[in-house]
C-alpha atoms as a PDB file:
ATOM      1  CA  MET A   1     -36.308 -37.884  21.984  1.00  0.00           C
ATOM      2  CA  SER A   2     -37.118 -34.291  22.687  1.00  0.00           C
ATOM      3  CA  SER A   3     -39.362 -34.209  19.600  1.00  0.00           C
ATOM      4  CA  LEU A   4     -41.107 -37.383  20.769  1.00  0.00           C
ATOM      5  CA  ARG A   5     -41.850 -35.852  24.173  1.00  0.00           C
ATOM      6  CA  VAL A   6     -43.283 -32.746  22.503  1.00  0.00           C
ATOM      7  CA  LEU A   7     -45.478 -34.876  20.228  1.00  0.00           C
ATOM      8  CA  ARG A   8     -46.732 -36.964  23.169  1.00  0.00           C
ATOM      9  CA  ARG A   9     -47.693 -33.798  25.050  1.00  0.00           C
ATOM     10  CA  ARG A  10     -49.493 -32.453  21.971  1.00  0.00           C
ATOM     11  CA  ILE A  11     -51.346 -35.747  21.495  1.00  0.00           C
ATOM     12  CA  ARG A  12     -52.511 -35.725  25.137  1.00  0.00           C
ATOM     13  CA  SER A  13     -53.614 -32.102  24.760  1.00  0.00           C
ATOM     14  CA  VAL A  14     -55.574 -32.858  21.585  1.00  0.00           C
ATOM     15  CA  GLN A  15     -57.157 -35.924  23.244  1.00  0.00           C
ATOM     16  CA  ASN A  16     -58.321 -33.764  26.163  1.00  0.00           C
ATOM     17  CA  THR A  17     -59.721 -31.188  23.728  1.00  0.00           C
ATOM     18  CA  GLN A  18     -61.555 -33.924  21.830  1.00  0.00           C
ATOM     19  CA  GLN A  19     -63.110 -35.258  25.038  1.00  0.00           C
ATOM     20  CA  ILE A  20     -64.212 -31.768  26.113  1.00  0.00           C
ATOM     21  CA  THR A  21     -65.746 -30.916  22.738  1.00  0.00           C
ATOM     22  CA  LYS A  22     -67.512 -34.285  22.620  1.00  0.00           C
ATOM     23  CA  ALA A  23     -69.026 -33.659  26.054  1.00  0.00           C
ATOM     24  CA  MET A  24     -70.101 -30.145  25.032  1.00  0.00           C
ATOM     25  CA  GLU A  25     -71.632 -31.521  21.831  1.00  0.00           C
ATOM     26  CA  MET A  26     -73.683 -34.043  23.812  1.00  0.00           C
ATOM     27  CA  VAL A  27     -74.823 -31.392  26.305  1.00  0.00           C
ATOM     28  CA  ALA A  28     -75.821 -29.042  23.467  1.00  0.00           C
ATOM     29  CA  ALA A  29     -77.740 -31.874  21.770  1.00  0.00           C
ATOM     30  CA  ALA A  30     -79.680 -32.586  24.977  1.00  0.00           C
ATOM     31  CA  LYS A  31     -80.462 -28.882  25.464  1.00  0.00           C
ATOM     32  CA  LEU A  32     -81.429 -28.577  21.805  1.00  0.00           C
ATOM     33  CA  ARG A  33     -84.108 -31.239  22.166  1.00  0.00           C
ATOM     34  CA  ARG A  34     -85.753 -29.326  25.017  1.00  0.00           C
ATOM     35  CA  ALA A  35     -85.369 -25.939  23.347  1.00  0.00           C
ATOM     36  CA  GLN A  36     -86.672 -27.246  20.025  1.00  0.00           C
ATOM     37  CA  THR A  37     -89.738 -28.702  21.738  1.00  0.00           C
ATOM     38  CA  ARG A  38     -90.441 -25.375  23.444  1.00  0.00           C
ATOM     39  CA  ALA A  39     -89.854 -23.342  20.269  1.00  0.00           C
ATOM     40  CA  LEU A  40     -92.161 -25.528  18.185  1.00  0.00           C
ATOM     41  CA  ALA A  41     -94.791 -25.497  20.938  1.00  0.00           C
ATOM     42  CA  ALA A  42     -94.744 -21.671  21.104  1.00  0.00           C
ATOM     43  CA  ARG A  43     -95.317 -21.178  17.379  1.00  0.00           C
ATOM     44  CA  PRO A  44     -98.961 -22.302  16.983  1.00  0.00           C
ATOM     45  CA  TYR A  45    -100.257 -19.910  19.666  1.00  0.00           C
ATOM     46  CA  ALA A  46     -98.228 -16.985  18.296  1.00  0.00           C
ATOM     47  CA  ALA A  47     -99.322 -17.780  14.732  1.00  0.00           C
ATOM     48  CA  LYS A  48    -103.000 -18.101  15.704  1.00  0.00           C
ATOM     49  CA  ILE A  49    -103.139 -14.886  17.698  1.00  0.00           C
ATOM     50  CA  THR A  50    -101.332 -13.081  14.858  1.00  0.00           C
ATOM     51  CA  GLU A  51    -103.831 -14.483  12.377  1.00  0.00           C
ATOM     52  CA  MET A  52    -106.695 -13.349  14.609  1.00  0.00           C
ATOM     53  CA  LEU A  53    -105.329  -9.814  14.845  1.00  0.00           C
ATOM     54  CA  ASP A  54    -104.731  -9.647  11.087  1.00  0.00           C
ATOM     55  CA  HIS A  55    -108.291 -10.857  10.574  1.00  0.00           C
ATOM     56  CA  LEU A  56    -109.699  -8.156  12.842  1.00  0.00           C
ATOM     57  CA  ALA A  57    -107.195  -5.427  12.013  1.00  0.00           C
ATOM     58  CA  GLY A  58    -109.679  -3.663   9.754  1.00  0.00           C
ATOM     59  CA  ALA A  59    -111.542  -2.633  12.890  1.00  0.00           C
ATOM     60  CA  ALA A  60    -108.416  -1.000  14.315  1.00  0.00           C
ATOM     61  CA  SER A  61    -109.141   2.225  12.465  1.00  0.00           C
ATOM     62  CA  GLU A  62    -112.188   2.656  14.680  1.00  0.00           C
ATOM     63  CA  ILE A  63    -110.257   1.946  17.878  1.00  0.00           C
ATOM     64  CA  ASP A  64    -107.961   4.376  19.619  1.00  0.00           C
ATOM     65  CA  HIS A  65    -105.469   1.829  20.969  1.00  0.00           C
ATOM     66  CA  PRO A  66    -101.878   3.105  21.325  1.00  0.00           C
ATOM     67  CA  LEU A  67    -100.288  -0.117  20.018  1.00  0.00           C
ATOM     68  CA  PHE A  68    -102.080   0.325  16.678  1.00  0.00           C
ATOM     69  CA  LYS A  69    -100.888   3.892  16.167  1.00  0.00           C
ATOM     70  CA  ALA A  70     -98.480   4.088  13.246  1.00  0.00           C
ATOM     71  CA  ARG A  71     -96.681   7.431  13.250  1.00  0.00           C
ATOM     72  CA  GLU A  72     -93.785   8.992  11.413  1.00  0.00           C
ATOM     73  CA  VAL A  73     -90.720   6.934  12.235  1.00  0.00           C
ATOM     74  CA  LYS A  74     -88.042   9.122  13.772  1.00  0.00           C
ATOM     75  CA  ASN A  75     -86.613   6.681  16.309  1.00  0.00           C
ATOM     76  CA  THR A  76     -86.489   2.906  15.966  1.00  0.00           C
ATOM     77  CA  ALA A  77     -85.625   0.411  18.685  1.00  0.00           C
ATOM     78  CA  LEU A  78     -83.848  -2.663  17.281  1.00  0.00           C
ATOM     79  CA  VAL A  79     -84.063  -5.583  19.716  1.00  0.00           C
ATOM     80  CA  LEU A  80     -81.021  -7.782  18.982  1.00  0.00           C
ATOM     81  CA  VAL A  81     -81.152 -11.258  20.557  1.00  0.00           C
ATOM     82  CA  THR A  82     -77.707 -12.854  20.954  1.00  0.00           C
ATOM     83  CA  SER A  83     -76.342 -15.490  23.350  1.00  0.00           C
ATOM     84  CA  ASP A  84     -74.582 -15.145  26.683  1.00  0.00           C
ATOM     85  CA  ARG A  85     -71.921 -17.736  25.833  1.00  0.00           C
ATOM     86  CA  GLY A  86     -69.678 -18.395  22.874  1.00  0.00           C
ATOM     87  CA  LEU A  87     -68.412 -21.634  21.302  1.00  0.00           C
ATOM     88  CA  CYS A  88     -71.385 -21.673  18.933  1.00  0.00           C
ATOM     89  CA  GLY A  89     -69.710 -21.053  15.595  1.00  0.00           C
ATOM     90  CA  ALA A  90     -70.898 -18.075  13.590  1.00  0.00           C
ATOM     91  CA  TYR A  91     -74.204 -17.751  15.462  1.00  0.00           C
ATOM     92  CA  ASN A  92     -73.423 -14.417  17.158  1.00  0.00           C
ATOM     93  CA  ALA A  93     -71.221 -13.149  14.323  1.00  0.00           C
ATOM     94  CA  ASN A  94     -74.104 -13.469  11.852  1.00  0.00           C
ATOM     95  CA  LEU A  95     -76.434 -11.538  14.158  1.00  0.00           C
ATOM     96  CA  VAL A  96     -73.906  -8.778  14.813  1.00  0.00           C
ATOM     97  CA  ARG A  97     -73.134  -8.500  11.101  1.00  0.00           C
ATOM     98  CA  ALA A  98     -76.827  -8.182  10.242  1.00  0.00           C
ATOM     99  CA  ALA A  99     -77.360  -5.578  12.980  1.00  0.00           C
ATOM    100  CA  GLU A 100     -74.372  -3.520  11.826  1.00  0.00           C
ATOM    101  CA  HIS A 101     -75.650  -3.647   8.259  1.00  0.00           C
ATOM    102  CA  ARG A 102     -79.035  -2.396   9.465  1.00  0.00           C
ATOM    103  CA  LEU A 103     -77.415   0.407  11.462  1.00  0.00           C
ATOM    104  CA  ARG A 104     -75.120   1.521   8.643  1.00  0.00           C
ATOM    105  CA  LYS A 105     -78.022   1.506   6.240  1.00  0.00           C
ATOM    106  CA  ALA A 106     -79.932   3.805   8.588  1.00  0.00           C
ATOM    107  CA  VAL A 107     -76.941   6.113   9.082  1.00  0.00           C
ATOM    108  CA  ALA A 108     -76.351   6.411   5.349  1.00  0.00           C
ATOM    109  CA  GLY A 109     -80.102   6.442   4.736  1.00  0.00           C
ATOM    110  CA  ASN A 110     -81.600   8.196   1.808  1.00  0.00           C
ATOM    111  CA  GLY A 111     -84.572   9.482   3.729  1.00  0.00           C
ATOM    112  CA  LYS A 112     -86.863   6.593   2.794  1.00  0.00           C
ATOM    113  CA  GLY A 113     -86.233   4.308   5.729  1.00  0.00           C
ATOM    114  CA  PRO A 114     -86.578   4.641   9.526  1.00  0.00           C
ATOM    115  CA  GLY A 115     -84.785   7.413  11.314  1.00  0.00           C
ATOM    116  CA  SER A 116     -82.134   6.898  13.974  1.00  0.00           C
ATOM    117  CA  ILE A 117     -81.870   3.376  15.341  1.00  0.00           C
ATOM    118  CA  ARG A 118     -81.117   2.593  18.967  1.00  0.00           C
ATOM    119  CA  LEU A 119     -80.222  -0.877  20.126  1.00  0.00           C
ATOM    120  CA  VAL A 120     -81.926  -2.989  22.771  1.00  0.00           C
ATOM    121  CA  LEU A 121     -79.372  -5.741  23.414  1.00  0.00           C
ATOM    122  CA  VAL A 122     -80.499  -9.099  24.769  1.00  0.00           C
ATOM    123  CA  GLY A 123     -77.486 -11.275  25.591  1.00  0.00           C
ATOM    124  CA  LYS A 124     -73.882 -10.659  26.653  1.00  0.00           C
ATOM    125  CA  LYS A 125     -72.285 -11.221  23.250  1.00  0.00           C
ATOM    126  CA  GLY A 126     -74.235  -8.393  21.646  1.00  0.00           C
ATOM    127  CA  ARG A 127     -73.571  -6.175  24.659  1.00  0.00           C
ATOM    128  CA  ASP A 128     -69.826  -6.867  24.631  1.00  0.00           C
ATOM    129  CA  TYR A 129     -69.557  -6.155  20.923  1.00  0.00           C
ATOM    130  CA  PHE A 130     -71.578  -2.959  20.704  1.00  0.00           C
ATOM    131  CA  ARG A 131     -70.361  -1.322  23.895  1.00  0.00           C
ATOM    132  CA  ARG A 132     -66.974  -0.959  22.166  1.00  0.00           C
ATOM    133  CA  ARG A 133     -68.626   0.801  19.219  1.00  0.00           C
ATOM    134  CA  LYS A 134     -70.276   4.188  18.985  1.00  0.00           C
ATOM    135  CA  TYR A 135     -73.769   2.953  18.151  1.00  0.00           C
ATOM    136  CA  PRO A 136     -76.501   4.188  20.548  1.00  0.00           C
ATOM    137  CA  VAL A 137     -77.681   1.554  23.038  1.00  0.00           C
ATOM    138  CA  LEU A 138     -81.103   2.062  24.599  1.00  0.00           C
ATOM    139  CA  ALA A 139     -81.115  -0.876  27.040  1.00  0.00           C
ATOM    140  CA  VAL A 140     -79.270  -4.100  27.869  1.00  0.00           C
ATOM    141  CA  TYR A 141     -80.805  -7.311  29.196  1.00  0.00           C
ATOM    142  CA  THR A 142     -78.393  -9.890  30.622  1.00  0.00           C
ATOM    143  CA  PRO A 143     -78.146 -12.642  31.527  1.00  0.00           C
ATOM    144  CA  VAL A 144     -80.563 -14.411  29.216  1.00  0.00           C
ATOM    145  CA  PRO A 145     -82.518 -17.227  30.925  1.00  0.00           C
ATOM    146  CA  ALA A 146     -81.112 -20.688  30.226  1.00  0.00           C
ATOM    147  CA  GLU A 147     -84.537 -21.741  28.945  1.00  0.00           C
ATOM    148  CA  ALA A 148     -87.185 -19.667  27.171  1.00  0.00           C
ATOM    149  CA  SER A 149     -88.930 -17.816  29.997  1.00  0.00           C
ATOM    150  CA  LEU A 150     -92.434 -16.395  29.766  1.00  0.00           C
ATOM    151  CA  GLU A 151     -91.716 -14.084  32.705  1.00  0.00           C
ATOM    152  CA  PHE A 152     -88.669 -12.636  30.946  1.00  0.00           C
ATOM    153  CA  ALA A 153     -90.721 -12.194  27.758  1.00  0.00           C
ATOM    154  CA  LYS A 154     -93.465 -10.396  29.718  1.00  0.00           C
ATOM    155  CA  GLN A 155     -90.974  -8.064  31.395  1.00  0.00           C
ATOM    156  CA  LEU A 156     -89.265  -7.200  28.112  1.00  0.00           C
ATOM    157  CA  THR A 157     -92.619  -6.750  26.347  1.00  0.00           C
ATOM    158  CA  GLN A 158     -93.916  -4.367  29.018  1.00  0.00           C
ATOM    159  CA  GLU A 159     -90.776  -2.229  28.830  1.00  0.00           C
ATOM    160  CA  LEU A 160     -90.849  -2.098  25.020  1.00  0.00           C
ATOM    161  CA  ILE A 161     -94.547  -1.210  25.042  1.00  0.00           C
ATOM    162  CA  GLY A 162     -93.839   1.512  27.607  1.00  0.00           C
ATOM    163  CA  ARG A 163     -91.136   3.057  25.412  1.00  0.00           C
ATOM    164  CA  PHE A 164     -93.413   2.901  22.374  1.00  0.00           C
ATOM    165  CA  VAL A 165     -96.491   4.343  24.079  1.00  0.00           C
ATOM    166  CA  SER A 166     -94.484   7.159  25.690  1.00  0.00           C
ATOM    167  CA  GLY A 167     -93.193   8.194  22.263  1.00  0.00           C
ATOM    168  CA  GLU A 168     -89.549   7.447  23.099  1.00  0.00           C
ATOM    169  CA  VAL A 169     -89.474   5.202  20.018  1.00  0.00           C
ATOM    170  CA  ASP A 170     -91.817   5.157  17.038  1.00  0.00           C
ATOM    171  CA  ARG A 171     -91.105   1.616  15.901  1.00  0.00           C
ATOM    172  CA  VAL A 172     -89.771  -1.570  17.511  1.00  0.00           C
ATOM    173  CA  GLU A 173     -88.096  -4.297  15.451  1.00  0.00           C
ATOM    174  CA  LEU A 174     -86.929  -7.760  16.514  1.00  0.00           C
ATOM    175  CA  MET A 175     -83.737  -9.268  15.079  1.00  0.00           C
ATOM    176  CA  PHE A 176     -83.132 -12.886  16.034  1.00  0.00           C
ATOM    177  CA  THR A 177     -82.261 -16.275  14.547  1.00  0.00           C
ATOM    178  CA  ARG A 178     -85.203 -18.291  13.282  1.00  0.00           C
ATOM    179  CA  PHE A 179     -84.851 -22.011  14.046  1.00  0.00           C
ATOM    180  CA  ILE A 180     -85.627 -24.138  10.996  1.00  0.00           C
ATOM    181  CA  SER A 181     -83.992 -27.470  11.820  1.00  0.00           C
ATOM    182  CA  ALA A 182     -81.004 -28.788  13.726  1.00  0.00           C
ATOM    183  CA  LEU A 183     -78.844 -27.954  10.711  1.00  0.00           C
ATOM    184  CA  ARG A 184     -80.583 -24.819   9.421  1.00  0.00           C
ATOM    185  CA  ARG A 185     -81.326 -21.395  10.874  1.00  0.00           C
ATOM    186  CA  ARG A 186     -81.769 -17.905   9.483  1.00  0.00           C
ATOM    187  CA  VAL A 187     -81.364 -14.373  10.844  1.00  0.00           C
ATOM    188  CA  VAL A 188     -84.681 -12.535  10.483  1.00  0.00           C
ATOM    189  CA  THR A 189     -85.983  -9.052  11.281  1.00  0.00           C
ATOM    190  CA  GLU A 190     -89.643  -8.560  12.189  1.00  0.00           C
ATOM    191  CA  THR A 191     -91.678  -5.518  13.157  1.00  0.00           C
ATOM    192  CA  PHE A 192     -92.861  -5.816  16.754  1.00  0.00           C
ATOM    193  CA  LEU A 193     -94.613  -2.470  17.247  1.00  0.00           C
ATOM    194  CA  PRO A 194     -96.873  -0.916  16.065  1.00  0.00           C
ATOM    195  CA  VAL A 195     -99.132  -3.919  15.703  1.00  0.00           C
ATOM    196  CA  GLY A 196    -100.129  -4.606  12.103  1.00  0.00           C
ATOM    197  CA  ALA A 197     -97.302  -2.543  10.581  1.00  0.00           C
ATOM    198  CA  GLU A 198     -96.390  -5.403   8.218  1.00  0.00           C
ATOM    199  CA  ARG A 199     -99.977  -6.139   7.282  1.00  0.00           C
ATOM    200  CA  ALA A 200    -100.873  -5.493   3.651  1.00  0.00           C
ATOM    201  CA  GLU A 201    -102.606  -2.192   3.060  1.00  0.00           C
ATOM    202  CA  GLY A 202    -106.328  -2.383   2.508  1.00  0.00           C
ATOM    203  CA  HIS A 203    -106.782  -5.657   4.365  1.00  0.00           C
ATOM    204  CA  PRO A 204    -110.543  -5.834   4.812  1.00  0.00           C
ATOM    205  CA  SER A 205    -112.159  -6.400   8.148  1.00  0.00           C
ATOM    206  CA  PRO A 206    -114.369  -9.475   8.411  1.00  0.00           C
ATOM    207  CA  ALA A 207    -117.890  -8.923   7.251  1.00  0.00           C
ATOM    208  CA  GLY A 208    -120.377  -8.787  10.095  1.00  0.00           C
ATOM    209  CA  ALA A 209    -117.742  -8.957  12.840  1.00  0.00           C
ATOM    210  CA  ILE A 210    -119.368  -8.714  16.245  1.00  0.00           C
ATOM    211  CA  PHE A 211    -117.342  -7.647  19.292  1.00  0.00           C
ATOM    212  CA  GLU A 212    -118.628  -8.705  22.689  1.00  0.00           C
ATOM    213  CA  PRO A 213    -118.597  -6.906  25.069  1.00  0.00           C
ATOM    214  CA  ASP A 214    -116.889  -4.254  22.880  1.00  0.00           C
ATOM    215  CA  ALA A 215    -113.913  -3.915  20.537  1.00  0.00           C
ATOM    216  CA  GLU A 216    -111.916  -1.691  22.925  1.00  0.00           C
ATOM    217  CA  SER A 217    -112.039  -4.251  25.744  1.00  0.00           C
ATOM    218  CA  ILE A 218    -111.139  -7.117  23.414  1.00  0.00           C
ATOM    219  CA  PHE A 219    -108.149  -5.372  21.877  1.00  0.00           C
ATOM    220  CA  ALA A 220    -106.988  -4.074  25.270  1.00  0.00           C
ATOM    221  CA  GLU A 221    -106.769  -7.703  26.429  1.00  0.00           C
ATOM    222  CA  LEU A 222    -105.612  -9.225  23.155  1.00  0.00           C
ATOM    223  CA  LEU A 223    -102.788  -6.885  22.131  1.00  0.00           C
ATOM    224  CA  PRO A 224    -100.511  -7.345  25.189  1.00  0.00           C
ATOM    225  CA  ARG A 225    -100.999 -11.112  24.904  1.00  0.00           C
ATOM    226  CA  TYR A 226    -100.112 -10.953  21.228  1.00  0.00           C
ATOM    227  CA  ALA A 227     -96.939  -8.958  21.908  1.00  0.00           C
ATOM    228  CA  THR A 228     -95.829 -11.318  24.686  1.00  0.00           C
ATOM    229  CA  ALA A 229     -96.541 -14.408  22.592  1.00  0.00           C
ATOM    230  CA  LYS A 230     -94.604 -13.033  19.624  1.00  0.00           C
ATOM    231  CA  LEU A 231     -91.604 -12.067  21.734  1.00  0.00           C
ATOM    232  CA  PHE A 232     -91.628 -15.364  23.623  1.00  0.00           C
ATOM    233  CA  ALA A 233     -91.696 -17.314  20.338  1.00  0.00           C
ATOM    234  CA  SER A 234     -88.767 -15.239  19.052  1.00  0.00           C
ATOM    235  CA  LEU A 235     -86.721 -15.886  22.214  1.00  0.00           C
ATOM    236  CA  ALA A 236     -87.505 -19.603  22.047  1.00  0.00           C
ATOM    237  CA  ASP A 237     -86.408 -19.691  18.394  1.00  0.00           C
ATOM    238  CA  ALA A 238     -83.185 -17.875  19.274  1.00  0.00           C
ATOM    239  CA  LEU A 239     -82.375 -20.281  22.106  1.00  0.00           C
ATOM    240  CA  ALA A 240     -82.990 -23.360  19.949  1.00  0.00           C
ATOM    241  CA  SER A 241     -80.822 -21.852  17.209  1.00  0.00           C
ATOM    242  CA  GLU A 242     -78.024 -21.185  19.705  1.00  0.00           C
ATOM    243  CA  HIS A 243     -77.976 -24.794  20.934  1.00  0.00           C
ATOM    244  CA  SER A 244     -78.120 -26.035  17.355  1.00  0.00           C
ATOM    245  CA  ALA A 245     -75.160 -23.848  16.367  1.00  0.00           C
ATOM    246  CA  ARG A 246     -73.169 -24.958  19.434  1.00  0.00           C
ATOM    247  CA  MET A 247     -73.864 -28.638  18.772  1.00  0.00           C
ATOM    248  CA  ILE A 248     -72.654 -28.300  15.169  1.00  0.00           C
ATOM    249  CA  ALA A 249     -69.599 -26.241  16.174  1.00  0.00           C
ATOM    250  CA  MET A 250     -68.550 -28.694  18.873  1.00  0.00           C
ATOM    251  CA  GLY A 251     -69.110 -31.620  16.500  1.00  0.00           C
ATOM    252  CA  SER A 252     -66.811 -29.986  13.948  1.00  0.00           C
ATOM    253  CA  ALA A 253     -64.223 -29.242  16.638  1.00  0.00           C
ATOM    254  CA  ARG A 254     -64.314 -32.867  17.825  1.00  0.00           C
ATOM    255  CA  LYS A 255     -63.880 -34.120  14.271  1.00  0.00           C
ATOM    256  CA  ASN A 256     -60.986 -31.724  13.609  1.00  0.00           C
ATOM    257  CA  ALA A 257     -59.315 -32.765  16.862  1.00  0.00           C
ATOM    258  CA  GLY A 258     -59.584 -36.411  15.790  1.00  0.00           C
ATOM    259  CA  GLU A 259     -58.011 -35.687  12.416  1.00  0.00           C
ATOM    260  CA  LEU A 260     -55.190 -33.700  14.046  1.00  0.00           C
ATOM    261  CA  MET A 261     -54.581 -36.480  16.538  1.00  0.00           C
ATOM    262  CA  ASP A 262     -54.291 -39.023  13.715  1.00  0.00           C
ATOM    263  CA  LEU A 263     -51.632 -36.869  12.034  1.00  0.00           C
ATOM    264  CA  LEU A 264     -49.723 -36.425  15.293  1.00  0.00           C
ATOM    265  CA  VAL A 265     -49.826 -40.159  16.043  1.00  0.00           C
ATOM    266  CA  LEU A 266     -48.559 -40.912  12.531  1.00  0.00           C
ATOM    267  CA  ARG A 267     -45.712 -38.416  12.972  1.00  0.00           C
ATOM    268  CA  ARG A 268     -44.871 -39.872  16.402  1.00  0.00           C
ATOM    269  CA  ASN A 269     -44.772 -43.398  14.999  1.00  0.00           C
ATOM    270  CA  ARG A 270     -42.467 -42.307  12.198  1.00  0.00           C
ATOM    271  CA  LEU A 271     -40.102 -40.637  14.657  1.00  0.00           C
ATOM    272  CA  ARG A 272     -40.086 -43.729  16.867  1.00  0.00           C
ATOM    273  CA  GLN A 273     -39.419 -45.924  13.849  1.00  0.00           C
ATOM    274  CA  ALA A 274     -36.574 -43.663  12.741  1.00  0.00           C
ATOM    275  CA  ALA A 275     -35.068 -43.717  16.256  1.00  0.00           C
ATOM    276  CA  ILE A 276     -35.307 -47.508  16.454  1.00  0.00           C
ATOM    277  CA  THR A 277     -33.781 -47.904  12.991  1.00  0.00           C
ATOM    278  CA  LYS A 278     -30.903 -45.598  13.973  1.00  0.00           C
ATOM    279  CA  GLU A 279     -30.231 -47.585  17.137  1.00  0.00           C
ATOM    280  CA  LEU A 280     -30.250 -50.847  15.170  1.00  0.00           C
ATOM    281  CA  LEU A 281     -27.804 -49.405  12.657  1.00  0.00           C
ATOM    282  CA  ASP A 282     -25.528 -48.300  15.495  1.00  0.00           C
ATOM    283  CA  ILE A 283     -25.651 -51.759  17.035  1.00  0.00           C
ATOM    284  CA  VAL A 284     -24.957 -53.483  13.711  1.00  0.00           C
ATOM    285  CA  GLY A 285     -22.173 -51.021  12.965  1.00  0.00           C
ATOM    286  CA  GLY A 286     -20.599 -51.630  16.381  1.00  0.00           C
ATOM    287  CA  ALA A 287     -20.838 -55.395  15.936  1.00  0.00           C
ATOM    288  CA  GLU A 288     -19.185 -55.208  12.541  1.00  0.00           C
ATOM    289  CA  ALA A 289     -16.416 -53.056  13.963  1.00  0.00           C
ATOM    290  CA  LEU A 290     -15.625 -55.695  16.625  1.00  0.00           C
ATOM    291  CA  LYS A 291     -15.108 -58.446  14.058  1.00  0.00           C
END
């Protein structure tokens, strides 16, 4: 009977776990729909303004704008976007692994890549992991807004631009999870500053391009908007990916809890059947002894 009581307690515990994971899966699915809508809505603007800058980047050589200045890379800021909460499978582990690989590659560098890398950590999970390591951390931003926030993107963009313009860092890279679908996502690294660093060399400027009122004024207005739009789209992608990963993880946990509960119920039924059979045998044996 003691074993039966233990099994009943385990079954109740697994049932509670299954209910909790099911609720978390449904919440993550609802949040994913909103985050996916925002991420997909942010992409066209970011893509169009990037296309516009690439199209006009040939004129950058004539413009003395600090965000266009590519210099020798001695210090790189790696902006790592993780989540504030766990229970999302390997979402944060994949990001941390990719960041560590990037850092080790820089430390063991052969002189061809960027110089020292300092981390800009967005999210508590990245902060908690790297503060126990010896890697240099430039800044930490927590908590991350529950929904993709343009104000947060503007604040982070202004601070990154300030560090780049002041010469504190010579290059800024973004590492985040690109949302592809509810079941697919990919960790990507993109150059954030200087603008046009990933553009193919020798990209021609448009023939007969006319700047009104002048190129300096246009780029002075366009470049901060471009940086904010790119960072906002990256944060929106990361948030959608997080909810997607949590929905899948909680779905798997719910399914595993159901399978475990089935095994426990089967074991309980077998124990009950064995106990009943034993009692029947005792009764029959006692009856036979009285004859």
